[in-house]
Protein backbone atom coordinates (compact mmCIF):
# COMPACT_ATOMS: atom_id res chain seq x y z
CA MET A 1 -36.09 -8.95 3.22
CA SER A 2 -34.00 -6.30 5.84
CA ASP A 3 -30.99 -8.67 7.15
CA ALA A 4 -27.61 -7.90 5.37
CA VAL A 5 -25.14 -5.15 6.49
CA LEU A 6 -22.96 -4.05 3.98
CA VAL A 7 -19.69 -2.78 5.21
CA LEU A 8 -17.34 0.30 3.30
CA ASN A 9 -13.77 1.04 4.04
CA GLY A 10 -12.63 3.70 1.33
CA GLY A 11 -8.83 4.47 0.98
CA SER A 12 -6.93 7.17 -0.79
CA SER A 13 -6.75 4.73 -4.30
CA SER A 14 -9.44 1.57 -3.45
CA LEU A 15 -12.32 0.97 -2.17
CA LYS A 16 -13.28 -2.15 -0.49
CA PHE A 17 -17.13 -3.20 -0.18
CA ALA A 18 -18.31 -6.36 1.73
CA VAL A 19 -22.24 -7.95 2.84
CA PHE A 20 -22.90 -10.15 5.43
CA GLU A 21 -26.31 -11.37 6.27
CA ARG A 22 -27.13 -10.02 9.67
CA ARG A 23 -26.62 -13.21 11.89
CA GLU A 24 -24.61 -13.98 14.75
CA GLU A 25 -21.55 -15.39 12.65
CA LEU A 26 -21.69 -13.26 9.96
CA PRO A 27 -22.31 -15.07 6.54
CA LEU A 28 -20.28 -13.46 3.72
CA LEU A 29 -22.63 -12.99 0.76
CA LEU A 30 -20.95 -10.53 -1.32
CA ARG A 31 -17.22 -8.74 -1.32
CA GLY A 32 -15.18 -6.26 -3.44
CA ASN A 33 -12.94 -4.14 -4.42
CA VAL A 34 -12.86 -1.03 -6.97
CA SER A 35 -8.62 -0.61 -7.05
CA SER A 36 -5.83 1.61 -8.27
CA LEU A 37 -8.76 5.13 -8.71
CA GLY A 38 -5.72 7.04 -9.77
CA HIS A 39 -4.13 4.57 -12.68
CA ARG A 40 -6.67 1.82 -14.30
CA PRO A 41 -8.89 1.11 -12.09
CA ARG A 42 -10.17 -2.56 -11.44
CA LEU A 43 -13.41 -4.03 -10.19
CA ARG A 44 -12.75 -7.12 -8.35
CA VAL A 45 -15.97 -9.07 -6.86
CA GLU A 46 -15.56 -12.09 -5.02
CA ALA A 47 -19.27 -13.64 -4.71
CA ALA A 48 -20.40 -16.46 -2.20
CA ALA A 49 -23.47 -18.10 -3.04
CA GLY A 50 -22.67 -19.72 -6.57
CA ARG A 51 -22.73 -15.83 -8.03
CA PRO A 52 -19.23 -15.87 -10.29
CA LYS A 53 -16.27 -13.85 -9.62
CA ILE A 54 -16.05 -10.55 -11.28
CA ASP A 55 -12.41 -9.50 -12.15
CA ARG A 56 -12.88 -6.32 -14.74
CA SER A 57 -10.79 -3.41 -16.02
CA LEU A 58 -12.71 -0.42 -15.97
CA ASP A 59 -10.82 1.82 -18.54
CA GLU A 60 -7.72 3.75 -18.47
CA ALA A 61 -8.66 6.56 -16.96
CA PRO A 62 -8.70 7.76 -13.60
CA ILE A 63 -11.38 7.71 -11.33
CA ASP A 64 -13.53 9.41 -8.84
CA MET A 65 -14.53 8.66 -5.15
CA ASP A 66 -17.90 9.18 -7.09
CA LYS A 67 -17.63 6.86 -9.89
CA ALA A 68 -15.43 4.50 -7.75
CA PHE A 69 -19.11 4.21 -5.49
CA ALA A 70 -21.63 3.54 -8.39
CA VAL A 71 -19.54 0.50 -9.98
CA VAL A 72 -19.93 -0.61 -6.24
CA ALA A 73 -23.40 0.38 -6.31
CA SER A 74 -23.93 -1.06 -9.63
CA ALA A 75 -22.02 -4.69 -8.37
CA LEU A 76 -24.77 -4.84 -5.47
CA ALA A 77 -27.74 -4.04 -7.93
CA GLU A 78 -26.69 -6.74 -10.13
CA ASN A 79 -26.34 -9.37 -6.91
CA ASP A 80 -30.22 -8.33 -5.72
CA LEU A 81 -28.49 -6.98 -2.65
CA LEU A 82 -29.59 -3.47 -2.49
CA ARG A 83 -33.21 -4.48 -1.25
CA ARG A 84 -32.00 -6.51 2.32
CA ILE A 85 -29.58 -3.50 3.20
CA ASP A 86 -30.86 -2.11 6.00
CA ARG A 87 -27.41 -1.53 7.80
CA VAL A 88 -24.66 0.48 6.80
CA GLY A 89 -20.98 -0.46 8.67
CA HIS A 90 -18.20 2.19 7.93
CA ARG A 91 -14.23 2.03 8.62
CA ILE A 92 -13.28 6.00 9.50
CA VAL A 93 -9.72 6.00 10.11
CA HIS A 94 -9.83 8.90 12.73
CA GLY A 95 -12.33 9.24 15.90
CA GLY A 96 -10.70 11.62 17.82
CA ARG A 97 -10.97 11.08 21.81
CA ASP A 98 -14.99 10.69 21.79
CA PHE A 99 -15.71 8.07 19.49
CA THR A 100 -14.06 4.71 20.81
CA GLU A 101 -16.60 2.51 20.21
CA ALA A 102 -19.25 2.30 16.87
CA THR A 103 -21.83 5.23 16.88
CA ARG A 104 -24.98 6.18 14.96
CA LEU A 105 -23.61 8.74 11.91
CA ASP A 106 -26.19 11.36 12.65
CA GLU A 107 -25.67 15.27 11.76
CA ARG A 108 -24.12 15.63 14.97
CA THR A 109 -21.50 13.30 14.50
CA LEU A 110 -20.33 14.13 11.27
CA LYS A 111 -19.60 17.66 12.23
CA ALA A 112 -17.47 16.21 14.98
CA LEU A 113 -15.44 14.06 12.65
CA ARG A 114 -15.23 16.86 10.18
CA LEU A 115 -13.51 18.58 12.88
CA LEU A 116 -10.90 15.68 12.60
CA GLU A 117 -9.60 15.85 9.23
CA PRO A 118 -6.83 18.47 10.02
CA MET A 119 -5.38 15.30 11.84
CA ALA A 120 -5.89 12.67 8.75
CA PRO A 121 -6.32 14.61 5.84
CA ILE A 122 -6.46 12.08 3.37
CA HIS A 123 -8.72 9.73 4.69
CA GLN A 124 -11.23 11.48 7.01
CA ARG A 125 -12.48 13.53 3.81
CA ILE A 126 -12.75 10.43 1.60
CA ASN A 127 -14.26 8.27 4.69
CA LEU A 128 -17.43 11.48 5.56
CA GLU A 129 -17.38 10.95 1.71
CA ILE A 130 -18.89 7.55 1.49
CA VAL A 131 -20.97 8.30 3.89
CA ALA A 132 -22.51 11.02 2.21
CA LEU A 133 -23.02 8.26 -0.93
CA ALA A 134 -24.23 5.95 1.19
CA THR A 135 -26.99 7.97 2.74
CA GLU A 136 -27.75 9.34 -0.55
CA LEU A 137 -28.28 5.24 -1.75
CA LEU A 138 -29.81 4.10 0.81
CA PRO A 139 -31.24 6.57 2.97
CA LYS A 140 -33.65 4.21 5.03
CA ALA A 141 -30.49 2.08 5.99
CA LEU A 142 -28.72 3.23 9.51
CA GLN A 143 -25.50 4.00 8.86
CA ILE A 144 -22.80 3.40 11.64
CA GLY A 145 -19.12 4.98 12.20
CA CYS A 146 -16.57 2.69 13.05
CA PHE A 147 -12.77 3.88 14.09
CA ASP A 148 -9.36 3.02 12.98
CA THR A 149 -8.51 4.68 17.00
CA ALA A 150 -10.63 3.02 18.93
CA PHE A 151 -8.86 0.01 19.67
CA HIS A 152 -5.61 1.84 21.20
CA SER A 153 -7.92 3.79 23.77
CA THR A 154 -6.89 0.94 26.23
CA ARG A 155 -3.22 2.15 25.95
CA PRO A 156 -2.09 3.42 29.43
CA GLU A 157 -1.58 7.12 29.58
CA LEU A 158 1.94 7.33 28.89
CA ALA A 159 1.29 5.34 25.85
CA LYS A 160 -0.56 8.68 24.55
CA ILE A 161 0.63 11.37 26.15
CA TYR A 162 4.53 13.74 24.42
CA GLY A 163 6.66 15.78 26.49
CA LEU A 164 4.26 18.24 25.23
CA PRO A 165 3.35 22.00 27.78
CA ARG A 166 -0.22 19.83 29.51
CA ALA A 167 -2.94 22.55 27.87
CA MET A 168 -1.58 20.70 24.67
CA THR A 169 -2.37 17.74 25.52
CA GLU A 170 -5.67 17.91 27.08
CA ALA A 171 -6.97 19.81 23.97
CA GLY A 172 -5.88 16.60 22.03
CA ILE A 173 -2.25 16.80 20.97
CA VAL A 174 -1.73 13.10 22.43
CA SER A 175 -1.35 9.70 19.87
CA TYR A 176 -4.64 8.25 19.14
CA GLY A 177 -3.08 4.70 17.27
CA PHE A 178 -4.47 3.78 13.86
CA HIS A 179 -5.00 0.58 11.68
CA GLY A 180 -7.48 -0.65 15.00
CA LEU A 181 -9.71 -2.16 13.20
CA SER A 182 -7.34 -4.62 11.44
CA TYR A 183 -5.92 -5.44 14.79
CA SER A 184 -9.56 -5.78 16.50
CA HIS A 185 -9.70 -8.50 13.80
CA ILE A 186 -6.33 -10.13 14.53
CA ALA A 187 -6.93 -9.93 18.49
CA SER A 188 -10.38 -11.79 17.83
CA LYS A 189 -8.45 -14.70 15.69
CA LEU A 190 -5.89 -14.96 18.47
CA ARG A 191 -8.70 -15.64 20.95
CA ASP A 192 -9.81 -17.94 18.50
CA ARG A 193 -6.82 -20.18 18.45
CA TYR A 194 -5.71 -19.24 22.01
CA GLY A 195 -8.44 -18.80 24.27
CA ALA A 196 -8.60 -15.83 26.20
CA SER A 197 -4.72 -15.03 26.26
CA ALA A 198 -5.17 -14.49 22.74
CA GLY A 199 -0.98 -15.25 22.35
CA GLY A 200 0.18 -13.38 25.18
CA ARG A 201 2.91 -10.53 24.63
CA THR A 202 2.13 -10.48 21.09
CA ILE A 203 3.48 -7.75 18.39
CA VAL A 204 0.83 -7.62 15.43
CA ALA A 205 3.27 -6.31 12.11
CA HIS A 206 -0.09 -4.51 10.02
CA LEU A 207 2.50 -3.85 6.57
CA GLY A 208 0.70 -2.43 3.28
CA SER A 209 1.00 0.79 1.43
CA GLY A 210 0.35 1.96 5.31
CA ALA A 211 2.00 -0.13 8.17
CA SER A 212 2.30 -0.02 11.82
CA LEU A 213 3.07 -2.30 14.48
CA CYS A 214 0.67 -2.74 17.52
CA ALA A 215 1.95 -4.71 21.02
CA MET A 216 -1.45 -6.20 22.59
CA ASP A 217 -0.94 -8.17 25.33
CA ALA A 218 -4.06 -10.23 26.17
CA GLY A 219 -5.72 -8.62 23.38
CA GLN A 220 -5.58 -5.52 24.41
CA SER A 221 -2.93 -2.60 22.89
CA ILE A 222 -0.53 -1.86 25.09
CA ALA A 223 1.47 -0.03 22.55
CA THR A 224 1.84 1.61 18.96
CA THR A 225 3.85 3.04 15.74
CA MET A 226 1.27 5.57 14.93
CA GLY A 227 0.66 8.31 17.08
CA PHE A 228 -0.88 11.89 16.08
CA SER A 229 -1.66 11.00 12.89
CA THR A 230 -0.91 7.95 10.22
CA LEU A 231 2.57 9.57 9.17
CA ASP A 232 4.13 8.30 12.71
CA GLY A 233 6.19 5.33 12.72
CA LEU A 234 6.66 3.03 10.32
CA VAL A 235 8.39 3.89 6.49
CA MET A 236 5.31 3.52 4.50
CA SER A 237 4.42 3.11 0.76
CA THR A 238 4.32 7.06 -0.25
CA ARG A 239 4.53 8.70 4.13
CA CYS A 240 8.16 9.58 5.41
CA GLY A 241 6.78 7.80 8.95
CA ALA A 242 8.93 9.08 12.03
CA LEU A 243 11.29 11.90 11.65
CA ASP A 244 12.68 14.07 13.46
CA PRO A 245 10.62 17.78 14.78
CA GLY A 246 13.66 20.19 14.01
CA ILE A 247 13.68 18.09 10.39
CA ILE A 248 9.60 20.24 9.63
CA LEU A 249 11.22 23.23 11.21
CA HIS A 250 13.57 22.65 8.98
CA LEU A 251 11.50 22.67 6.05
CA LEU A 252 9.09 25.54 6.84
CA GLN A 253 11.03 27.78 8.16
CA ASP A 254 14.87 27.21 5.86
CA ARG A 255 13.45 26.07 2.90
CA ARG A 256 9.82 27.98 2.86
CA LEU A 257 7.53 24.70 2.01
CA SER A 258 4.03 25.66 2.55
CA GLY A 259 1.52 23.52 4.10
CA ASP A 260 0.13 22.53 1.17
CA GLU A 261 3.55 21.41 0.07
CA LEU A 262 4.44 19.67 3.34
CA VAL A 263 1.44 17.70 3.30
CA THR A 264 1.91 16.38 -0.63
CA LEU A 265 5.73 15.92 1.32
CA LEU A 266 5.08 13.82 3.74
CA TYR A 267 2.17 11.96 2.19
CA GLU A 268 2.73 11.52 -0.88
CA GLN A 269 5.76 11.58 -2.04
CA SER A 270 8.25 10.03 0.55
CA GLY A 271 8.49 6.10 1.91
CA LEU A 272 9.57 3.73 0.23
CA LEU A 273 8.55 5.88 -3.33
CA GLY A 274 10.94 8.87 -1.80
CA VAL A 275 13.99 6.62 -0.47
CA SER A 276 13.72 4.72 -3.88
CA GLY A 277 12.95 7.34 -6.48
CA VAL A 278 11.47 4.27 -7.94
CA SER A 279 8.55 3.04 -7.02
CA GLY A 280 6.02 2.76 -3.45
CA ASP A 281 5.47 -0.46 -4.33
CA MET A 282 7.18 -3.32 -2.40
CA ARG A 283 6.68 -6.44 -5.38
CA THR A 284 8.25 -3.84 -7.42
CA LEU A 285 11.30 -2.85 -5.55
CA ILE A 286 12.04 -6.30 -4.31
CA GLY A 287 12.54 -6.59 -8.29
CA SER A 288 14.22 -4.70 -9.39
CA ASP A 289 18.22 -3.58 -9.93
CA ASP A 290 18.33 -0.39 -9.10
CA ARG A 291 20.50 0.33 -5.59
CA ALA A 292 18.22 2.73 -4.07
CA ALA A 293 15.52 0.52 -4.39
CA ALA A 294 17.44 -2.19 -2.81
CA GLN A 295 18.04 0.31 0.19
CA ALA A 296 14.32 1.34 0.55
CA VAL A 297 13.60 -2.52 1.82
CA ASP A 298 16.76 -2.26 3.92
CA LEU A 299 15.79 0.48 5.17
CA PHE A 300 11.66 -1.07 5.83
CA VAL A 301 13.23 -4.16 7.19
CA TYR A 302 15.66 -2.00 9.45
CA ARG A 303 12.69 -0.02 11.32
CA ILE A 304 10.53 -2.47 11.83
CA GLY A 305 13.40 -4.66 13.25
CA ARG A 306 14.29 -1.76 15.93
CA GLU A 307 10.55 -0.82 16.77
CA ILE A 308 10.05 -4.52 18.17
CA GLY A 309 12.47 -4.55 20.39
CA SER A 310 10.89 -1.10 21.48
CA LEU A 311 7.88 -2.61 21.87
CA THR A 312 8.81 -6.09 23.19
CA ALA A 313 10.37 -4.07 25.78
CA ALA A 314 7.18 -1.75 26.50
CA MET A 315 5.10 -5.70 27.30
CA GLY A 316 8.26 -6.97 29.21
CA GLY A 317 8.73 -10.23 25.73
CA LEU A 318 6.76 -11.89 23.56
CA ASP A 319 5.20 -14.66 22.98
CA THR A 320 3.66 -14.11 19.41
CA LEU A 321 4.18 -12.05 15.93
CA VAL A 322 1.54 -12.29 13.43
CA PHE A 323 2.03 -10.63 10.08
CA THR A 324 -1.05 -9.98 8.21
CA ALA A 325 -1.92 -6.35 5.66
CA GLY A 326 -0.53 -6.65 1.85
CA ILE A 327 3.29 -6.78 2.22
CA GLY A 328 2.43 -8.82 5.96
CA GLU A 329 0.87 -11.64 3.86
CA ASN A 330 2.25 -11.44 0.60
CA ALA A 331 5.88 -10.99 1.38
CA PRO A 332 7.68 -13.73 2.18
CA LEU A 333 11.26 -12.33 1.82
CA VAL A 334 10.67 -9.18 3.94
CA ARG A 335 8.81 -11.83 6.76
CA GLU A 336 12.28 -13.83 6.17
CA ARG A 337 14.55 -10.60 7.22
CA ILE A 338 11.94 -9.53 9.74
CA GLY A 339 12.67 -12.67 11.23
CA ALA A 340 15.89 -12.42 10.94
CA ALA A 341 15.87 -9.16 12.85
CA ALA A 342 14.17 -10.33 15.27
CA ALA A 343 15.84 -13.80 16.29
CA TRP A 344 17.43 -11.98 19.19
CA LEU A 345 13.89 -11.84 20.53
CA GLY A 346 13.67 -15.92 19.83
CA VAL A 347 12.06 -16.02 16.72
CA GLY A 348 12.65 -18.32 14.01
CA LEU A 349 11.07 -18.80 10.57
CA ASP A 350 10.91 -21.89 8.66
CA GLN A 351 11.70 -21.37 5.47
CA GLU A 352 9.11 -23.30 3.58
CA ARG A 353 6.56 -22.61 5.40
CA ASN A 354 7.55 -18.65 5.20
CA ARG A 355 8.08 -20.15 1.35
CA ARG A 356 4.00 -21.20 0.82
CA GLY A 357 2.67 -17.95 3.70
CA GLU A 358 1.01 -21.03 6.06
CA GLU A 359 -0.93 -19.93 8.97
CA VAL A 360 2.35 -20.88 10.93
CA VAL A 361 5.49 -19.48 9.76
CA SER A 362 7.46 -20.14 13.09
CA ASN A 363 9.85 -23.36 13.05
CA ARG A 364 10.15 -25.61 15.53
CA ASN A 365 12.81 -24.27 18.33
CA SER A 366 11.73 -20.85 18.14
CA SER A 367 10.54 -19.37 21.48
CA VAL A 368 8.13 -16.60 19.51
CA ASP A 369 4.94 -18.13 17.25
CA VAL A 370 4.91 -16.14 14.24
CA LEU A 371 1.82 -16.81 12.11
CA VAL A 372 0.45 -14.77 9.21
CA ILE A 373 -3.42 -13.87 9.22
CA PRO A 374 -4.99 -12.15 6.56
CA ALA A 375 -6.56 -8.62 7.45
CA ASP A 376 -10.06 -8.07 7.55
CA GLU A 377 -11.04 -4.53 8.19
CA GLU A 378 -15.12 -5.12 7.09
CA ARG A 379 -15.33 -8.12 9.18
CA ALA A 380 -13.90 -6.44 12.37
CA VAL A 381 -16.41 -3.35 11.16
CA ALA A 382 -19.61 -5.77 11.31
CA ALA A 383 -18.69 -7.33 14.15
CA GLU A 384 -18.36 -3.77 16.14
CA MET A 385 -22.00 -3.07 14.61
CA SER A 386 -23.67 -5.55 16.49
CA THR A 387 -22.75 -3.70 19.73
CA LEU A 388 -23.91 -0.45 19.06
CA ARG A 389 -26.81 0.24 21.49
CA SER A 390 -30.44 1.43 20.56
CA LEU A 391 -30.75 -0.05 17.51
CA GLY A 392 -34.22 1.02 17.25
CA ASN A 393 -34.36 4.54 18.49
CA GLN A 394 -32.97 5.92 14.83
CA ASP A 395 -33.84 9.18 16.10
CA GLY A 396 -30.94 9.49 19.14
CA PRO A 397 -27.63 10.56 18.58
CA GLY A 398 -26.32 6.50 19.24
CA LEU A 399 -23.67 7.68 21.65
């Protein structure tokens, strides 16, 4: 029986997976993740249909994505799901200008996606490596890509272009935006709650190890803080966020950093980790007495507050503010401080609701609805897969 879809969502240090029954409401059959690949990797499986949950260490030593995938494959086999999977959906960070909807991952498509690796050097390579592993494990299954950049293709042209020569813009040096699958899921949840208005003029704060904000009007992306790459915008766990381009010139010309050294600095040694010198993990920073750790948290909140003002200006007002992803869902202190930074916009949080992490955390006097909605990129991928045309033609390009 082939009636299930597998969704794979790989990052620099984790591999999330979920299996859904292929019906309109997408019942969940299995969900889990292999986390902390580089340090004490761990398998967690949240099972449905009466199966036991799993939470176990995989050893002290780091593992690579091949071994993480093998662990996932074993979990699927142990739950008798491999034989049921005929479609595999992949979260792919960068789709460039050409891939704005779910797309069959044939060799032509994969070749085009490999050309985008320099724009997302950490994520894209990992995403495509997982496609190859899934194809080997399930050679008869249809491999489908869903793209983080696609959700932002609806933005106005002025929100996409930079002040560069037109030839460079036409060559693809534009703002793409990311975390689109997370924002797509939030938009669907807001439509469930508010109907077609989807909360009106909304800012969604996707705050995890990677972090960005998205301004949405009636569920459509209007503006976002990430641009050409996943480095832009907010200060993140180990990524720098927005920088004066003159800093890059200085690092290249005066400090003589190589291209590889610059990539390592900006993607892996900056952000909360770089500012604090302690950690890139928000939980560690909040619990620390170190002044630099406190400053890192202050900077994170300050930059978010400033960007909320910018995105509100782009929409001409603010009706709804949503927190999602690891920090957004699990750090009441950060939500409280961001709410205070946005109080001038009419944002007010209920302290008890916020502490408990309820879905609605705004207080009765707030003119802005403030919500906490769990991220679910895997379900967003599964839902988007169902829109792919010509599924029956497995020899075509799937475009």
